[in-house]
Amino acid sequence: MKVTLNPDKEVVDRIKEGLKLKDGYCPCRLAKTPENKCMCKEFRDQIADPNFEGFCHCMLYYKSLED
């Protein structure tokens, strides 16, 4: 398992700017709750799933099954 940033630099830059504006909370979510603090609970749960491969909700991170 490996978690990496999205290879699209433009997406990464845009999401990182949104994170700065929202004090580290996912820019794709309205509520500023602990579950939405980057790296969000939804993606942490997906990382824990041994069968999940894909992007987090905001497309910043990618979990691959290969090392």
N, C-alpha and C. Protein backbone atom coordinates (compact mmCIF):
# COMPACT_ATOMS: atom_id res chain seq x y z
N MET A 1 0.83 -1.18 0.00
CA MET A 1 0.00 0.00 0.00
C MET A 1 0.88 1.25 0.00
N LYS A 2 0.44 2.24 -0.74
CA LYS A 2 1.20 3.49 -0.84
C LYS A 2 0.22 4.65 -1.02
N VAL A 3 0.44 5.74 -0.28
CA VAL A 3 -0.39 6.95 -0.43
C VAL A 3 0.51 8.05 -0.99
N THR A 4 0.08 8.63 -2.10
CA THR A 4 0.86 9.67 -2.77
C THR A 4 -0.05 10.86 -3.08
N LEU A 5 0.57 11.97 -3.42
CA LEU A 5 -0.18 13.13 -3.90
C LEU A 5 -0.65 12.88 -5.33
N ASN A 6 -1.71 13.52 -5.70
CA ASN A 6 -2.21 13.47 -7.06
C ASN A 6 -1.07 13.91 -8.00
N PRO A 7 -0.85 13.19 -9.09
CA PRO A 7 0.22 13.58 -10.02
C PRO A 7 -0.05 14.88 -10.76
N ASP A 8 -1.30 15.37 -10.72
CA ASP A 8 -1.66 16.62 -11.40
C ASP A 8 -1.31 17.79 -10.47
N LYS A 9 -0.21 18.47 -10.74
CA LYS A 9 0.28 19.55 -9.89
C LYS A 9 -0.74 20.67 -9.73
N GLU A 10 -1.50 20.95 -10.77
CA GLU A 10 -2.50 22.01 -10.70
C GLU A 10 -3.58 21.68 -9.66
N VAL A 11 -4.03 20.43 -9.64
CA VAL A 11 -5.02 20.00 -8.65
C VAL A 11 -4.43 20.11 -7.25
N VAL A 12 -3.21 19.63 -7.07
CA VAL A 12 -2.55 19.68 -5.76
C VAL A 12 -2.42 21.13 -5.28
N ASP A 13 -1.97 22.02 -6.14
CA ASP A 13 -1.82 23.42 -5.76
C ASP A 13 -3.15 24.04 -5.36
N ARG A 14 -4.21 23.74 -6.11
CA ARG A 14 -5.53 24.31 -5.83
C ARG A 14 -6.07 23.79 -4.49
N ILE A 15 -5.92 22.50 -4.24
CA ILE A 15 -6.41 21.93 -2.98
C ILE A 15 -5.59 22.45 -1.81
N LYS A 16 -4.28 22.54 -1.97
CA LYS A 16 -3.44 23.06 -0.89
C LYS A 16 -3.80 24.52 -0.56
N GLU A 17 -4.12 25.31 -1.56
CA GLU A 17 -4.55 26.69 -1.33
C GLU A 17 -5.87 26.70 -0.55
N GLY A 18 -6.79 25.82 -0.94
CA GLY A 18 -8.05 25.70 -0.22
C GLY A 18 -7.86 25.27 1.22
N LEU A 19 -6.91 24.38 1.45
CA LEU A 19 -6.60 23.94 2.82
C LEU A 19 -6.08 25.10 3.66
N LYS A 20 -5.25 25.94 3.06
CA LYS A 20 -4.74 27.11 3.78
C LYS A 20 -5.88 28.06 4.16
N LEU A 21 -6.78 28.28 3.22
CA LEU A 21 -7.90 29.20 3.45
C LEU A 21 -8.87 28.67 4.50
N LYS A 22 -8.94 27.34 4.64
CA LYS A 22 -9.88 26.74 5.60
C LYS A 22 -9.17 26.16 6.82
N ASP A 23 -7.96 26.64 7.10
CA ASP A 23 -7.21 26.21 8.29
C ASP A 23 -6.99 24.71 8.36
N GLY A 24 -6.75 24.07 7.22
CA GLY A 24 -6.44 22.65 7.20
C GLY A 24 -7.63 21.73 7.06
N TYR A 25 -8.83 22.31 6.96
CA TYR A 25 -10.02 21.50 6.75
C TYR A 25 -10.25 21.33 5.26
N CYS A 26 -10.80 20.18 4.90
CA CYS A 26 -11.03 19.86 3.49
C CYS A 26 -11.81 20.97 2.81
N PRO A 27 -11.28 21.53 1.73
CA PRO A 27 -11.99 22.60 1.03
C PRO A 27 -13.25 22.11 0.31
N CYS A 28 -13.40 20.81 0.19
CA CYS A 28 -14.56 20.23 -0.49
C CYS A 28 -15.73 20.00 0.47
N ARG A 29 -15.51 20.23 1.75
CA ARG A 29 -16.55 20.00 2.76
C ARG A 29 -16.97 21.32 3.38
N LEU A 30 -18.23 21.45 3.71
CA LEU A 30 -18.73 22.69 4.29
C LEU A 30 -18.40 22.81 5.77
N ALA A 31 -18.58 21.72 6.52
CA ALA A 31 -18.42 21.77 7.98
C ALA A 31 -16.95 21.67 8.37
N LYS A 32 -16.56 22.48 9.33
CA LYS A 32 -15.22 22.40 9.91
C LYS A 32 -15.31 21.54 11.16
N THR A 33 -15.28 20.22 10.95
CA THR A 33 -15.35 19.26 12.03
C THR A 33 -14.07 18.44 12.04
N PRO A 34 -13.78 17.79 13.16
CA PRO A 34 -12.56 16.97 13.22
C PRO A 34 -12.50 15.92 12.11
N GLU A 35 -13.65 15.41 11.70
CA GLU A 35 -13.68 14.40 10.64
C GLU A 35 -13.23 14.96 9.30
N ASN A 36 -13.33 16.28 9.13
CA ASN A 36 -12.99 16.92 7.86
C ASN A 36 -11.61 17.57 7.85
N LYS A 37 -10.86 17.43 8.93
CA LYS A 37 -9.49 17.94 8.97
C LYS A 37 -8.64 17.04 8.07
N CYS A 38 -7.86 17.64 7.20
CA CYS A 38 -7.04 16.88 6.25
C CYS A 38 -5.94 16.13 7.01
N MET A 39 -5.75 14.98 6.81
CA MET A 39 -6.31 13.93 5.99
C MET A 39 -7.61 13.47 6.67
N CYS A 40 -8.71 13.60 5.96
CA CYS A 40 -10.04 13.42 6.54
C CYS A 40 -10.30 11.98 6.98
N LYS A 41 -11.27 11.84 7.86
CA LYS A 41 -11.63 10.52 8.39
C LYS A 41 -12.07 9.59 7.27
N GLU A 42 -12.82 10.11 6.30
CA GLU A 42 -13.28 9.28 5.19
C GLU A 42 -12.09 8.60 4.50
N PHE A 43 -11.04 9.36 4.21
CA PHE A 43 -9.89 8.78 3.52
C PHE A 43 -9.08 7.89 4.45
N ARG A 44 -8.97 8.24 5.73
CA ARG A 44 -8.27 7.36 6.67
C ARG A 44 -8.97 6.00 6.73
N ASP A 45 -10.30 6.02 6.70
CA ASP A 45 -11.06 4.76 6.68
C ASP A 45 -10.81 4.00 5.38
N GLN A 46 -10.72 4.73 4.27
CA GLN A 46 -10.43 4.08 2.98
C GLN A 46 -9.03 3.49 2.98
N ILE A 47 -8.09 4.17 3.60
CA ILE A 47 -6.72 3.63 3.70
C ILE A 47 -6.73 2.33 4.48
N ALA A 48 -7.55 2.27 5.52
CA ALA A 48 -7.62 1.06 6.35
C ALA A 48 -8.26 -0.12 5.61
N ASP A 49 -9.03 0.16 4.58
CA ASP A 49 -9.67 -0.89 3.79
C ASP A 49 -8.63 -1.50 2.85
N PRO A 50 -8.29 -2.78 3.05
CA PRO A 50 -7.24 -3.38 2.22
C PRO A 50 -7.60 -3.50 0.75
N ASN A 51 -8.87 -3.38 0.41
CA ASN A 51 -9.30 -3.52 -0.98
C ASN A 51 -9.52 -2.19 -1.70
N PHE A 52 -9.41 -1.08 -0.97
CA PHE A 52 -9.66 0.22 -1.60
C PHE A 52 -8.42 0.71 -2.33
N GLU A 53 -8.63 1.17 -3.54
CA GLU A 53 -7.60 1.88 -4.30
C GLU A 53 -8.27 3.06 -4.96
N GLY A 54 -7.70 4.26 -4.80
CA GLY A 54 -8.28 5.43 -5.44
C GLY A 54 -7.95 6.72 -4.71
N PHE A 55 -8.59 7.80 -5.17
CA PHE A 55 -8.36 9.13 -4.64
C PHE A 55 -9.22 9.39 -3.42
N CYS A 56 -8.75 10.31 -2.58
CA CYS A 56 -9.58 10.83 -1.50
C CYS A 56 -10.66 11.72 -2.13
N HIS A 57 -11.60 12.17 -1.32
CA HIS A 57 -12.75 12.93 -1.79
C HIS A 57 -12.33 14.16 -2.61
N CYS A 58 -11.32 14.90 -2.16
CA CYS A 58 -10.94 16.14 -2.83
C CYS A 58 -9.87 15.94 -3.91
N MET A 59 -9.45 14.70 -4.08
CA MET A 59 -8.49 14.33 -5.13
C MET A 59 -7.05 14.74 -4.82
N LEU A 60 -6.74 15.05 -3.56
CA LEU A 60 -5.38 15.42 -3.20
C LEU A 60 -4.49 14.19 -3.08
N TYR A 61 -5.00 13.15 -2.43
CA TYR A 61 -4.22 11.95 -2.17
C TYR A 61 -4.73 10.77 -2.98
N TYR A 62 -3.83 9.84 -3.28
CA TYR A 62 -4.18 8.61 -3.97
C TYR A 62 -3.60 7.44 -3.20
N LYS A 63 -4.45 6.46 -2.94
CA LYS A 63 -3.97 5.22 -2.30
C LYS A 63 -3.88 4.14 -3.37
N SER A 64 -2.70 3.58 -3.52
CA SER A 64 -2.52 2.46 -4.46
C SER A 64 -2.27 1.20 -3.64
N LEU A 65 -2.65 0.09 -4.20
CA LEU A 65 -2.47 -1.18 -3.52
C LEU A 65 -1.04 -1.69 -3.67
N GLU A 66 -0.34 -1.19 -4.67
CA GLU A 66 1.04 -1.59 -4.91
C GLU A 66 2.00 -0.69 -4.14
N ASP A 67 3.15 -1.22 -3.79
CA ASP A 67 4.18 -0.42 -3.08
C ASP A 67 4.96 0.42 -4.04
